[in-house]
Protein backbone atom coordinates (compact mmCIF):
# COMPACT_ATOMS: atom_id res chain seq x y z
CA MET A 1 43.97 -17.71 142.78
CA LEU A 2 41.11 -20.18 143.04
CA LYS A 3 40.75 -22.98 140.50
CA GLU A 4 37.56 -21.44 139.10
CA GLU A 5 39.38 -18.13 138.56
CA ARG A 6 42.32 -19.87 136.88
CA GLN A 7 40.07 -21.78 134.53
CA ALA A 8 38.06 -18.66 133.66
CA PHE A 9 41.35 -16.92 132.82
CA ILE A 10 42.45 -19.87 130.68
CA ILE A 11 39.19 -19.89 128.72
CA LYS A 12 39.47 -16.13 128.13
CA GLN A 13 43.02 -16.52 126.80
CA ILE A 14 41.97 -19.35 124.49
CA ASN A 15 39.00 -17.35 123.20
CA LEU A 16 41.24 -14.39 122.48
CA HIS A 17 44.25 -16.14 120.98
CA ASN A 18 42.75 -19.43 119.69
CA LYS A 19 45.71 -21.37 121.06
CA VAL A 20 47.56 -21.25 124.38
CA LEU A 21 50.71 -22.97 125.62
CA SER A 22 50.89 -24.57 129.04
CA SER A 23 54.28 -22.95 129.66
CA ASP A 24 52.91 -19.45 128.95
CA LEU A 25 49.88 -20.01 131.17
CA SER A 26 52.12 -21.22 133.97
CA VAL A 27 54.03 -17.93 133.91
CA LYS A 28 50.95 -15.72 133.63
CA LEU A 29 49.12 -17.54 136.42
CA ASN A 30 52.24 -18.03 138.57
CA VAL A 31 51.47 -21.72 139.08
CA SER A 32 53.23 -24.94 138.07
CA GLU A 33 52.76 -26.49 134.65
CA ASP A 34 51.30 -29.54 136.39
CA THR A 35 48.54 -27.32 137.80
CA VAL A 36 47.90 -25.86 134.35
CA ARG A 37 47.75 -29.32 132.79
CA ARG A 38 45.19 -30.44 135.37
CA ASP A 39 43.08 -27.37 134.62
CA LEU A 40 43.32 -28.00 130.87
CA ASN A 41 42.36 -31.65 131.33
CA GLU A 42 39.27 -30.67 133.34
CA LEU A 43 38.24 -28.05 130.78
CA ALA A 44 38.73 -30.52 127.94
CA GLU A 45 36.71 -33.20 129.72
CA SER A 46 33.85 -30.73 130.17
CA GLY A 47 33.93 -29.96 126.43
CA LYS A 48 34.99 -26.32 126.76
CA ILE A 49 38.36 -26.56 124.99
CA LEU A 50 40.47 -28.92 122.90
CA LYS A 51 43.55 -30.26 124.69
CA VAL A 52 46.62 -30.67 122.46
CA HIS A 53 50.27 -31.43 123.10
CA GLY A 54 51.76 -28.54 125.05
CA GLY A 55 48.55 -26.53 125.41
CA ALA A 56 44.99 -26.14 124.20
CA LEU A 57 42.87 -24.81 121.32
CA SER A 58 39.57 -23.02 120.93
CA LYS A 59 36.81 -25.32 119.69
CA SER A 60 35.32 -22.57 117.50
CA PHE A 61 38.69 -22.09 115.77
CA HIS A 62 39.15 -25.80 115.13
CA TYR A 63 35.63 -26.67 113.96
CA PRO A 64 34.23 -23.54 112.24
CA PHE A 65 31.69 -25.46 110.14
CA GLN A 66 29.96 -26.97 113.15
CA GLN A 67 27.38 -25.23 115.33
CA ILE A 68 29.92 -24.04 117.88
CA GLU A 69 29.78 -20.57 119.38
CA VAL A 70 32.48 -18.30 117.93
CA TYR A 71 33.99 -15.87 120.41
CA ALA A 72 33.19 -12.18 119.65
CA LYS A 73 31.41 -13.19 116.45
CA GLU A 74 29.59 -9.86 116.01
CA ALA A 75 32.87 -7.96 116.38
CA LYS A 76 34.46 -10.24 113.80
CA LYS A 77 31.57 -9.64 111.41
CA GLU A 78 32.09 -5.89 111.86
CA ILE A 79 35.75 -6.29 110.96
CA ALA A 80 34.89 -8.49 107.98
CA GLY A 81 32.51 -5.86 106.61
CA LYS A 82 35.22 -3.20 106.81
CA LEU A 83 37.75 -5.47 105.11
CA ILE A 84 35.34 -6.23 102.25
CA GLY A 85 35.17 -2.48 101.58
CA MET A 86 38.92 -2.51 100.86
CA LEU A 87 38.65 -5.10 98.07
CA GLN A 88 38.28 -4.07 94.42
CA ASP A 89 37.66 -5.92 91.17
CA GLY A 90 40.83 -7.27 89.64
CA MET A 91 42.83 -7.45 92.86
CA THR A 92 45.05 -10.38 93.76
CA VAL A 93 44.70 -11.08 97.48
CA LEU A 94 46.62 -13.42 99.79
CA VAL A 95 44.69 -14.46 102.88
CA GLY A 96 45.41 -16.44 106.03
CA GLY A 97 43.15 -18.51 108.25
CA GLY A 98 41.14 -18.09 111.43
CA THR A 99 37.57 -17.32 112.40
CA THR A 100 37.64 -13.66 111.33
CA MET A 101 38.98 -14.60 107.89
CA ILE A 102 36.19 -17.16 107.51
CA GLU A 103 33.67 -14.37 108.22
CA VAL A 104 35.33 -12.30 105.47
CA ALA A 105 35.07 -15.18 103.00
CA ARG A 106 31.39 -15.65 103.80
CA MET A 107 30.63 -11.96 103.23
CA ILE A 108 32.35 -11.51 99.86
CA PRO A 109 29.71 -10.50 97.30
CA ASP A 110 29.20 -12.74 94.27
CA SER A 111 29.84 -9.73 92.04
CA LEU A 112 33.43 -9.24 93.24
CA ARG A 113 36.01 -10.46 90.72
CA CYS A 114 39.25 -11.24 92.53
CA THR A 115 41.96 -13.89 92.65
CA PHE A 116 42.60 -15.25 96.13
CA PHE A 117 45.66 -17.17 97.23
CA THR A 118 45.29 -18.82 100.64
CA VAL A 119 47.13 -21.11 103.04
CA SER A 120 43.87 -22.16 104.71
CA PRO A 121 41.82 -25.07 103.28
CA LEU A 122 38.83 -23.95 105.37
CA VAL A 123 38.94 -20.42 103.96
CA ALA A 124 39.47 -21.82 100.44
CA LEU A 125 36.24 -23.82 100.71
CA GLU A 126 34.30 -20.71 101.73
CA LEU A 127 35.84 -18.57 98.97
CA ALA A 128 35.05 -21.23 96.37
CA GLU A 129 31.33 -20.63 97.01
CA ARG A 130 31.57 -17.14 95.48
CA SER A 131 30.68 -17.00 91.78
CA ASN A 132 33.47 -14.76 90.48
CA THR A 133 36.44 -15.63 92.68
CA ASN A 134 39.45 -17.53 91.45
CA VAL A 135 40.82 -19.49 94.43
CA ILE A 136 44.34 -20.91 94.64
CA LEU A 137 45.14 -23.07 97.67
CA LEU A 138 48.86 -23.19 98.32
CA GLY A 139 50.24 -26.63 99.13
CA GLY A 140 52.37 -28.08 101.89
CA GLN A 141 52.02 -29.65 105.32
CA LEU A 142 48.72 -29.06 107.09
CA SER A 143 49.18 -27.94 110.69
CA LYS A 144 46.87 -29.92 112.97
CA SER A 145 46.66 -27.07 115.47
CA SER A 146 46.29 -24.00 113.25
CA HIS A 147 44.63 -25.68 110.22
CA ILE A 148 46.82 -23.73 107.79
CA ILE A 149 49.53 -24.94 105.42
CA THR A 150 53.03 -24.65 106.88
CA GLY A 151 56.56 -25.76 106.08
CA ALA A 152 59.26 -25.07 103.49
CA GLN A 153 57.09 -26.01 100.51
CA VAL A 154 54.47 -23.33 101.10
CA ILE A 155 57.13 -20.72 101.94
CA ASN A 156 58.85 -21.44 98.62
CA GLN A 157 55.54 -20.94 96.81
CA LEU A 158 54.91 -17.67 98.66
CA ASN A 159 58.35 -16.44 97.57
CA GLU A 160 57.25 -16.86 93.95
CA ILE A 161 54.10 -14.72 94.04
CA LYS A 162 53.39 -11.00 94.37
CA VAL A 163 49.93 -9.88 95.45
CA ASP A 164 48.17 -6.56 95.89
CA LEU A 165 47.07 -7.20 99.45
CA CYS A 166 47.83 -9.68 102.22
CA VAL A 167 45.09 -10.12 104.83
CA LEU A 168 45.93 -11.74 108.16
CA GLY A 169 44.16 -12.32 111.42
CA THR A 170 46.18 -11.75 114.54
CA ASN A 171 47.10 -13.69 117.64
CA SER A 172 48.42 -10.59 119.40
CA LEU A 173 49.25 -7.02 118.37
CA SER A 174 50.88 -4.17 120.27
CA VAL A 175 52.56 -0.86 119.48
CA GLU A 176 55.77 -1.98 121.20
CA ASP A 177 56.11 -5.54 119.88
CA GLY A 178 54.12 -5.45 116.65
CA LEU A 179 52.50 -8.66 115.40
CA THR A 180 53.33 -11.73 117.50
CA ASP A 181 52.29 -15.38 117.70
CA SER A 182 52.95 -18.53 119.72
CA ASP A 183 53.58 -21.03 116.89
CA TRP A 184 57.00 -21.01 115.20
CA GLU A 185 55.81 -22.61 111.95
CA VAL A 186 52.88 -20.18 111.67
CA VAL A 187 55.23 -17.24 112.29
CA GLN A 188 57.43 -18.29 109.37
CA VAL A 189 54.43 -18.58 107.03
CA LYS A 190 53.09 -15.17 108.08
CA LYS A 191 56.51 -13.59 107.49
CA ALA A 192 56.59 -15.05 103.97
CA MET A 193 53.02 -13.88 103.29
CA ILE A 194 53.87 -10.31 104.28
CA ARG A 195 56.95 -10.36 102.03
CA SER A 196 54.77 -11.49 99.12
CA ALA A 197 52.42 -8.50 99.32
CA LYS A 198 52.59 -4.88 98.25
CA ARG A 199 50.40 -4.02 101.25
CA THR A 200 49.31 -5.89 104.38
CA ALA A 201 46.09 -5.57 106.40
CA ILE A 202 45.84 -7.00 109.91
CA MET A 203 42.41 -7.80 111.37
CA SER A 204 42.06 -7.73 115.15
CA ILE A 205 39.24 -7.53 117.65
CA ALA A 206 39.84 -4.75 120.17
CA GLU A 207 40.54 -7.16 123.03
CA LYS A 208 43.70 -8.44 121.33
CA LEU A 209 45.26 -4.99 121.03
CA GLY A 210 48.06 -4.41 123.50
CA SER A 211 48.76 -8.12 123.96
CA ASP A 212 51.86 -10.04 122.95
CA GLN A 213 53.07 -13.58 122.41
CA SER A 214 56.52 -15.12 122.55
CA MET A 215 57.40 -15.07 118.82
CA LYS A 216 57.59 -12.02 116.58
CA VAL A 217 56.14 -11.84 113.07
CA CYS A 218 56.88 -8.21 112.26
CA ASP A 219 57.07 -4.68 113.61
CA LEU A 220 54.08 -2.39 113.38
CA ASN A 221 55.68 -0.38 110.56
CA SER A 222 55.60 -3.47 108.31
CA ILE A 223 51.79 -3.31 108.39
CA HIS A 224 49.79 -0.87 106.25
CA TYR A 225 46.25 -1.26 107.59
CA LEU A 226 44.76 -2.21 110.95
CA VAL A 227 41.11 -3.27 110.72
CA THR A 228 39.27 -3.48 114.05
CA ASP A 229 35.74 -3.41 115.42
CA LEU A 230 36.41 0.02 116.97
CA ASP A 231 35.71 3.43 115.48
CA PRO A 232 39.01 4.59 113.89
CA ARG A 233 38.84 7.70 116.11
CA ASP A 234 38.75 5.63 119.31
CA ALA A 235 41.36 6.69 121.88
CA ASP A 236 42.69 3.10 122.08
CA LEU A 237 43.79 3.35 118.44
CA ARG A 238 45.67 6.67 118.59
CA GLU A 239 49.13 5.16 119.04
CA TYR A 240 48.51 2.67 116.22
CA ALA A 241 47.29 5.45 113.92
CA GLN A 242 50.66 7.16 114.23
CA SER A 243 52.27 4.29 112.30
CA ILE A 244 49.56 2.73 110.13
CA THR A 245 46.16 3.42 108.59
CA VAL A 246 43.39 2.42 111.00
CA VAL A 247 40.11 1.26 109.41
């Protein structure tokens, strides 16, 4: 594979999953980690990605308040609009982070009266702009890569609350492996969030469906709703619809 092809693949993976690990890219591309690191360094120097220890991040994920192009933004807005339709006055909602969740926060109508718990300072700031929302930011250690609160402190807090709905973005989702991620600390927080909720909704652009990462959050049957940018009757969603409600 030519360098240009490798780097195009790397950018696509970062756009889809927000974060990639050098070790995973090495396996997928069948090249050495040294080759991957050189590619990441070149992409970072050209301003296309953010290089971090062990991998790289999407710039749109890391700096959502700046004028940086968000990957599949229209699809994420479509998902956000569907998710808003699931919220009702009086609900208590626990939400994660990510670019799709920020689109949700921006679209919440001022008339909606809900209490939101969140592990994302960026999402909390957006939610706080709504007139009738009560926003509770859970505390703990801020992850520099994911920009959400992680660690034992936030997991202990999550164990003490019970919410009507948990809303999470996804790194990867498949029928076989369920919800997966590449960050151990994030996986533990997502597990605790799902345990804290009566029901869980997962938001995913269509391109992430059928993909998997190295660490498991939960099986598909632990999820109640899948919210995508596809029509619920789309053939690509048939297998998912056998286990969960597709929106």
